[in-house]
Protein backbone atom coordinates (compact mmCIF):
# COMPACT_ATOMS: atom_id res chain seq x y z
CA MET A 1 155.02 119.42 69.13
CA TYR A 2 155.04 119.59 65.35
CA ILE A 3 152.29 121.48 63.55
CA GLU A 4 152.04 120.69 59.88
CA PRO A 5 151.96 123.83 57.72
CA MET A 6 148.79 124.63 55.87
CA PRO A 7 148.90 124.06 52.13
CA MET A 8 149.18 127.10 49.90
CA PRO A 9 145.81 128.20 48.51
CA THR A 10 145.23 127.64 44.82
CA ASP A 11 144.99 130.56 42.39
CA ILE A 12 141.25 129.88 42.08
CA THR A 13 140.86 130.15 45.86
CA VAL A 14 142.81 133.41 45.99
CA ASP A 15 140.87 134.89 43.05
CA THR A 16 137.55 133.86 44.61
CA TRP A 17 138.56 135.40 47.95
CA ILE A 18 139.57 138.68 46.28
CA ARG A 19 136.28 138.84 44.36
CA LEU A 20 134.31 138.15 47.53
CA LEU A 21 136.08 140.97 49.36
CA ARG A 22 135.47 143.35 46.46
CA VAL A 23 131.77 142.49 46.26
CA HIS A 24 131.47 142.88 50.04
CA GLY A 25 133.17 146.28 49.89
CA ASP A 26 130.95 147.41 47.04
CA ALA A 27 127.79 146.26 48.85
CA VAL A 28 128.74 147.96 52.12
CA GLY A 29 129.69 151.12 50.24
CA ALA A 30 126.34 151.17 48.45
CA VAL A 31 124.43 150.72 51.71
CA GLU A 32 126.48 153.48 53.38
CA THR A 33 125.76 155.82 50.45
CA ASP A 34 122.03 155.06 50.59
CA LEU A 35 121.89 155.61 54.35
CA LYS A 36 123.79 158.88 54.10
CA SER A 37 121.64 160.21 51.24
CA ALA A 38 118.51 159.36 53.27
CA GLY A 39 119.88 161.28 56.27
CA TYR A 40 120.49 158.23 58.45
CA PRO A 41 123.49 157.39 60.64
CA PRO A 42 126.30 155.11 59.39
CA LEU A 43 125.89 151.35 59.05
CA ALA A 44 127.99 150.72 62.18
CA TRP A 45 125.28 152.47 64.19
CA TYR A 46 122.74 150.05 62.79
CA ASP A 47 124.81 147.09 64.01
CA VAL A 48 124.92 148.50 67.54
CA LEU A 49 121.22 149.35 67.60
CA LEU A 50 120.27 145.94 66.21
CA GLU A 51 122.19 144.10 68.92
CA LEU A 52 120.74 146.33 71.65
CA ASP A 53 117.25 145.79 70.27
CA ARG A 54 117.83 142.02 70.27
CA ALA A 55 119.03 142.23 73.89
CA GLY A 56 115.61 143.42 75.01
CA ALA A 57 114.58 145.81 77.73
CA ASP A 58 117.31 144.72 80.15
CA GLY A 59 120.08 145.69 77.74
CA VAL A 60 123.62 144.32 77.81
CA ARG A 61 126.93 145.09 79.43
CA PRO A 62 129.37 146.97 77.16
CA PHE A 63 131.75 143.99 76.93
CA GLU A 64 128.84 141.74 75.90
CA LEU A 65 127.89 144.17 73.17
CA GLN A 66 131.47 144.18 71.88
CA ASP A 67 131.38 140.38 71.68
CA ARG A 68 128.17 140.49 69.62
CA LEU A 69 129.22 143.14 67.13
CA LEU A 70 130.64 142.53 63.70
CA LEU A 71 132.94 145.48 64.27
CA PRO A 72 136.52 145.63 65.44
CA GLN A 73 136.81 146.08 69.19
CA TYR A 74 138.82 149.28 68.97
CA GLY A 75 136.64 152.33 68.72
CA VAL A 76 133.46 150.62 69.95
CA SER A 77 133.44 152.74 73.12
CA ARG A 78 133.63 155.95 71.10
CA LEU A 79 130.98 154.66 68.72
CA ILE A 80 128.64 153.92 71.63
CA GLU A 81 129.30 157.40 73.04
CA ARG A 82 128.33 159.03 69.73
CA ILE A 83 125.16 156.94 69.50
CA GLU A 84 124.31 157.77 73.11
CA LYS A 85 124.86 161.49 72.44
CA ALA A 86 122.35 161.22 69.57
CA GLY A 87 119.81 159.83 72.05
CA TYR A 88 119.62 156.29 70.64
CA VAL A 89 121.32 154.48 73.53
CA GLU A 90 121.06 154.90 77.28
CA ARG A 91 123.29 153.73 80.09
CA ARG A 92 121.82 152.23 83.23
CA SER A 93 123.27 150.93 86.45
CA CYS A 94 123.87 147.21 86.52
CA ALA A 95 121.80 145.51 89.22
CA ASP A 96 124.34 142.67 89.57
CA ASP A 97 127.39 144.92 89.78
CA GLY A 98 127.14 148.38 91.29
CA ARG A 99 130.19 149.51 89.34
CA GLY A 100 128.96 148.14 86.03
CA GLN A 101 126.70 149.60 83.42
CA MET A 102 124.07 148.28 81.08
CA LEU A 103 123.44 149.64 77.61
CA ALA A 104 119.92 149.72 76.23
CA ILE A 105 118.30 151.01 73.07
CA THR A 106 115.94 153.95 73.45
CA THR A 107 112.61 154.39 71.72
CA ALA A 108 114.28 156.86 69.34
CA GLY A 109 117.04 154.32 68.70
CA ARG A 110 114.52 151.62 67.87
CA LYS A 111 112.71 153.96 65.48
CA VAL A 112 115.85 155.00 63.63
CA ARG A 113 117.04 151.38 63.40
CA GLU A 114 113.71 150.33 61.89
CA ALA A 115 113.79 153.25 59.47
CA MET A 116 117.36 152.38 58.42
CA SER A 117 116.28 148.81 57.82
CA MET A 118 113.35 149.87 55.67
CA SER A 119 115.41 152.39 53.68
CA ASN A 120 117.47 149.57 52.14
CA ARG A 121 114.45 147.61 50.92
CA ALA A 122 113.46 150.10 48.25
């Protein structure tokens, strides 16, 4: 089976891509700086808390959360552990699978997520 190679991107395409990545990096850096100066957790925590809040009271399985996140898969377990240690996430037994766990946002997690969201609107 022959797969035709993709055409080389034009200089304009490459320049546009580079600018987009730079703007993205600058925007994320600015948000991280604002969150840190306001005493809030890192932006990655917000992503986790947002997805858990969207999942509702039942929560989600850890692998489902990984699929929903805009974060690389490696390190997500450690990230969840840090957020849980801070009291923003709780683990529950999974009703469908006695060996499985569900992750759910806590009231404190919901409050900090909402505060983080509001801190970037100023």
